[in-house]
C-alpha atoms as a PDB file:
ATOM      1  CA  MET A   1      19.465  47.847  41.711  1.00  0.00           C
ATOM      2  CA  ALA A   2      19.938  47.801  37.937  1.00  0.00           C
ATOM      3  CA  ARG A   3      23.182  46.487  36.515  1.00  0.00           C
ATOM      4  CA  GLU A   4      25.487  49.256  35.250  1.00  0.00           C
ATOM      5  CA  LYS A   5      25.509  49.292  31.429  1.00  0.00           C
ATOM      6  CA  ARG A   6      27.513  52.474  30.917  1.00  0.00           C
ATOM      7  CA  THR A   7      30.740  51.977  28.957  1.00  0.00           C
ATOM      8  CA  GLU A   8      32.089  55.537  29.202  1.00  0.00           C
ATOM      9  CA  LYS A   9      33.281  57.186  32.424  1.00  0.00           C
ATOM     10  CA  ARG A  10      31.329  60.329  33.200  1.00  0.00           C
ATOM     11  CA  ARG A  11      32.691  63.342  34.984  1.00  0.00           C
ATOM     12  CA  ASN A  12      30.467  65.926  36.550  1.00  0.00           C
ATOM     13  CA  SER A  13      30.503  69.267  34.796  1.00  0.00           C
ATOM     14  CA  PRO A  14      31.569  72.303  36.841  1.00  0.00           C
ATOM     15  CA  HIS A  15      29.529  74.434  34.418  1.00  0.00           C
ATOM     16  CA  ARG A  16      25.924  75.317  35.137  1.00  0.00           C
ATOM     17  CA  ILE A  17      24.244  74.125  31.967  1.00  0.00           C
ATOM     18  CA  ASN A  18      20.473  73.867  31.625  1.00  0.00           C
ATOM     19  CA  VAL A  19      18.934  71.012  29.636  1.00  0.00           C
ATOM     20  CA  LEU A  20      16.145  72.420  27.501  1.00  0.00           C
ATOM     21  CA  SER A  21      13.244  70.956  25.661  1.00  0.00           C
ATOM     22  CA  ALA A  22      14.134  71.020  21.943  1.00  0.00           C
ATOM     23  CA  VAL A  23      10.437  71.551  21.219  1.00  0.00           C
ATOM     24  CA  ASP A  24       9.803  74.774  23.123  1.00  0.00           C
ATOM     25  CA  GLU A  25      13.145  75.571  24.821  1.00  0.00           C
ATOM     26  CA  THR A  26      11.674  75.385  28.331  1.00  0.00           C
ATOM     27  CA  VAL A  27      14.209  74.408  31.001  1.00  0.00           C
ATOM     28  CA  MET A  28      13.856  70.723  31.893  1.00  0.00           C
ATOM     29  CA  GLY A  29      16.655  70.661  34.425  1.00  0.00           C
ATOM     30  CA  ARG A  30      20.402  71.110  35.081  1.00  0.00           C
ATOM     31  CA  LEU A  31      23.031  68.969  33.402  1.00  0.00           C
ATOM     32  CA  VAL A  32      25.101  66.894  35.819  1.00  0.00           C
ATOM     33  CA  ASN A  33      27.209  64.900  33.337  1.00  0.00           C
ATOM     34  CA  ILE A  34      27.319  63.854  29.713  1.00  0.00           C
ATOM     35  CA  THR A  35      29.049  61.398  27.376  1.00  0.00           C
ATOM     36  CA  THR A  36      28.349  60.397  23.785  1.00  0.00           C
ATOM     37  CA  GLY A  37      26.156  57.643  25.215  1.00  0.00           C
ATOM     38  CA  GLY A  38      23.876  59.770  27.338  1.00  0.00           C
ATOM     39  CA  LEU A  39      23.518  62.249  30.134  1.00  0.00           C
ATOM     40  CA  MET A  40      22.189  62.787  33.632  1.00  0.00           C
ATOM     41  CA  PHE A  41      20.298  65.848  34.746  1.00  0.00           C
ATOM     42  CA  LEU A  42      18.528  67.121  37.854  1.00  0.00           C
ATOM     43  CA  THR A  43      14.915  68.178  37.619  1.00  0.00           C
ATOM     44  CA  ARG A  44      11.946  69.058  39.790  1.00  0.00           C
ATOM     45  CA  ASP A  45       9.695  67.214  37.337  1.00  0.00           C
ATOM     46  CA  SER A  46       9.345  63.473  36.978  1.00  0.00           C
ATOM     47  CA  LEU A  47       9.710  61.461  33.776  1.00  0.00           C
ATOM     48  CA  ASP A  48       8.777  57.832  33.372  1.00  0.00           C
ATOM     49  CA  GLU A  49      11.369  55.231  32.401  1.00  0.00           C
ATOM     50  CA  GLY A  50      11.112  54.501  28.688  1.00  0.00           C
ATOM     51  CA  HIS A  51       9.783  58.022  27.904  1.00  0.00           C
ATOM     52  CA  GLU A  52      11.516  59.586  24.846  1.00  0.00           C
ATOM     53  CA  VAL A  53      12.480  63.248  24.910  1.00  0.00           C
ATOM     54  CA  SER A  54      13.924  65.772  22.476  1.00  0.00           C
ATOM     55  CA  LEU A  55      16.586  67.791  24.241  1.00  0.00           C
ATOM     56  CA  ARG A  56      18.620  70.918  23.441  1.00  0.00           C
ATOM     57  CA  ILE A  57      21.941  71.194  25.242  1.00  0.00           C
ATOM     58  CA  PRO A  58      23.625  74.605  25.215  1.00  0.00           C
ATOM     59  CA  LEU A  59      27.368  74.254  24.757  1.00  0.00           C
ATOM     60  CA  PRO A  60      29.687  75.983  27.274  1.00  0.00           C
ATOM     61  CA  ALA A  61      32.399  76.099  24.600  1.00  0.00           C
ATOM     62  CA  LEU A  62      31.667  76.792  20.951  1.00  0.00           C
ATOM     63  CA  SER A  63      32.242  73.828  18.661  1.00  0.00           C
ATOM     64  CA  ASP A  64      32.194  74.337  14.917  1.00  0.00           C
ATOM     65  CA  GLY A  65      30.327  77.583  15.504  1.00  0.00           C
ATOM     66  CA  ARG A  66      27.428  75.827  17.241  1.00  0.00           C
ATOM     67  CA  ARG A  67      26.035  77.080  20.508  1.00  0.00           C
ATOM     68  CA  ALA A  68      23.773  74.057  21.186  1.00  0.00           C
ATOM     69  CA  ILE A  69      23.054  70.541  20.053  1.00  0.00           C
ATOM     70  CA  ASP A  70      19.697  68.800  19.724  1.00  0.00           C
ATOM     71  CA  VAL A  71      19.470  65.149  20.699  1.00  0.00           C
ATOM     72  CA  ARG A  72      16.787  62.494  21.193  1.00  0.00           C
ATOM     73  CA  GLY A  73      16.980  60.396  24.305  1.00  0.00           C
ATOM     74  CA  ARG A  74      15.185  57.759  26.316  1.00  0.00           C
ATOM     75  CA  VAL A  75      14.801  57.846  30.077  1.00  0.00           C
ATOM     76  CA  VAL A  76      16.580  54.738  31.363  1.00  0.00           C
ATOM     77  CA  TRP A  77      16.392  55.441  35.072  1.00  0.00           C
ATOM     78  CA  THR A  78      15.202  57.946  37.641  1.00  0.00           C
ATOM     79  CA  GLY A  79      16.200  58.362  41.261  1.00  0.00           C
ATOM     80  CA  PRO A  80      16.121  60.759  44.171  1.00  0.00           C
ATOM     81  CA  ASP A  81      18.791  63.403  44.597  1.00  0.00           C
ATOM     82  CA  SER A  82      20.361  64.291  47.946  1.00  0.00           C
ATOM     83  CA  ASN A  83      18.168  67.388  47.783  1.00  0.00           C
ATOM     84  CA  PRO A  84      14.607  66.007  48.149  1.00  0.00           C
ATOM     85  CA  ARG A  85      13.219  68.745  45.860  1.00  0.00           C
ATOM     86  CA  TYR A  86      15.022  67.175  42.874  1.00  0.00           C
ATOM     87  CA  THR A  87      15.061  63.952  40.903  1.00  0.00           C
ATOM     88  CA  ARG A  88      18.014  62.562  38.924  1.00  0.00           C
ATOM     89  CA  ILE A  89      17.157  61.454  35.414  1.00  0.00           C
ATOM     90  CA  GLY A  90      19.397  59.177  33.356  1.00  0.00           C
ATOM     91  CA  ILE A  91      19.048  59.557  29.592  1.00  0.00           C
ATOM     92  CA  GLU A  92      20.390  57.238  26.908  1.00  0.00           C
ATOM     93  CA  PHE A  93      20.807  58.920  23.531  1.00  0.00           C
ATOM     94  CA  VAL A  94      18.720  57.466  20.705  1.00  0.00           C
ATOM     95  CA  ASN A  95      20.324  57.605  17.257  1.00  0.00           C
ATOM     96  CA  LEU A  96      22.944  60.224  18.150  1.00  0.00           C
ATOM     97  CA  GLY A  97      24.193  61.720  14.936  1.00  0.00           C
ATOM     98  CA  ALA A  98      27.908  61.572  14.085  1.00  0.00           C
ATOM     99  CA  GLU A  99      28.166  65.377  14.100  1.00  0.00           C
ATOM    100  CA  GLU A 100      26.514  65.674  17.518  1.00  0.00           C
ATOM    101  CA  GLY A 101      28.768  62.922  18.887  1.00  0.00           C
ATOM    102  CA  TYR A 102      31.841  64.697  17.534  1.00  0.00           C
ATOM    103  CA  ILE A 103      30.719  67.995  19.080  1.00  0.00           C
ATOM    104  CA  ILE A 104      30.123  66.389  22.492  1.00  0.00           C
ATOM    105  CA  GLU A 105      33.605  64.773  22.400  1.00  0.00           C
ATOM    106  CA  THR A 106      35.220  68.050  21.307  1.00  0.00           C
ATOM    107  CA  VAL A 107      33.560  70.054  24.082  1.00  0.00           C
ATOM    108  CA  LEU A 108      34.439  67.410  26.697  1.00  0.00           C
ATOM    109  CA  GLN A 109      38.072  67.524  25.626  1.00  0.00           C
ATOM    110  CA  ARG A 110      38.220  71.316  25.591  1.00  0.00           C
ATOM    111  CA  LEU A 111      36.767  71.432  29.108  1.00  0.00           C
ATOM    112  CA  HIS A 112      39.074  68.618  30.305  1.00  0.00           C
ATOM    113  CA  LEU A 113      36.067  66.428  31.232  1.00  0.00           C
ATOM    114  CA  VAL A 114      37.342  63.221  29.630  1.00  0.00           C
ATOM    115  CA  GLY A 115      39.980  60.733  30.664  1.00  0.00           C
END
């Protein structure tokens, strides 16, 4: 098992938020949790570790008038879900912009998902 490198505690979101492809807005999966370092989502598709993706994350609470953020990420791990139809995908953000990081923190605080 890989050593845990995460520095921020993640809390699962009670909101049903789809993770979209930033390229064509197709649904890639359902967001499980998110921090400014990365996210985890459930999917029926598989992605290889090391694969880079462009993601769009709709925001459940408006932040600075934005309804979504676009981020680049790298798949750092994959694993089975308790439901065998799904796979869990761990994404580490690549070059997260300051504005996107601020928006993620703001939304997490508004939804009481930090701390």
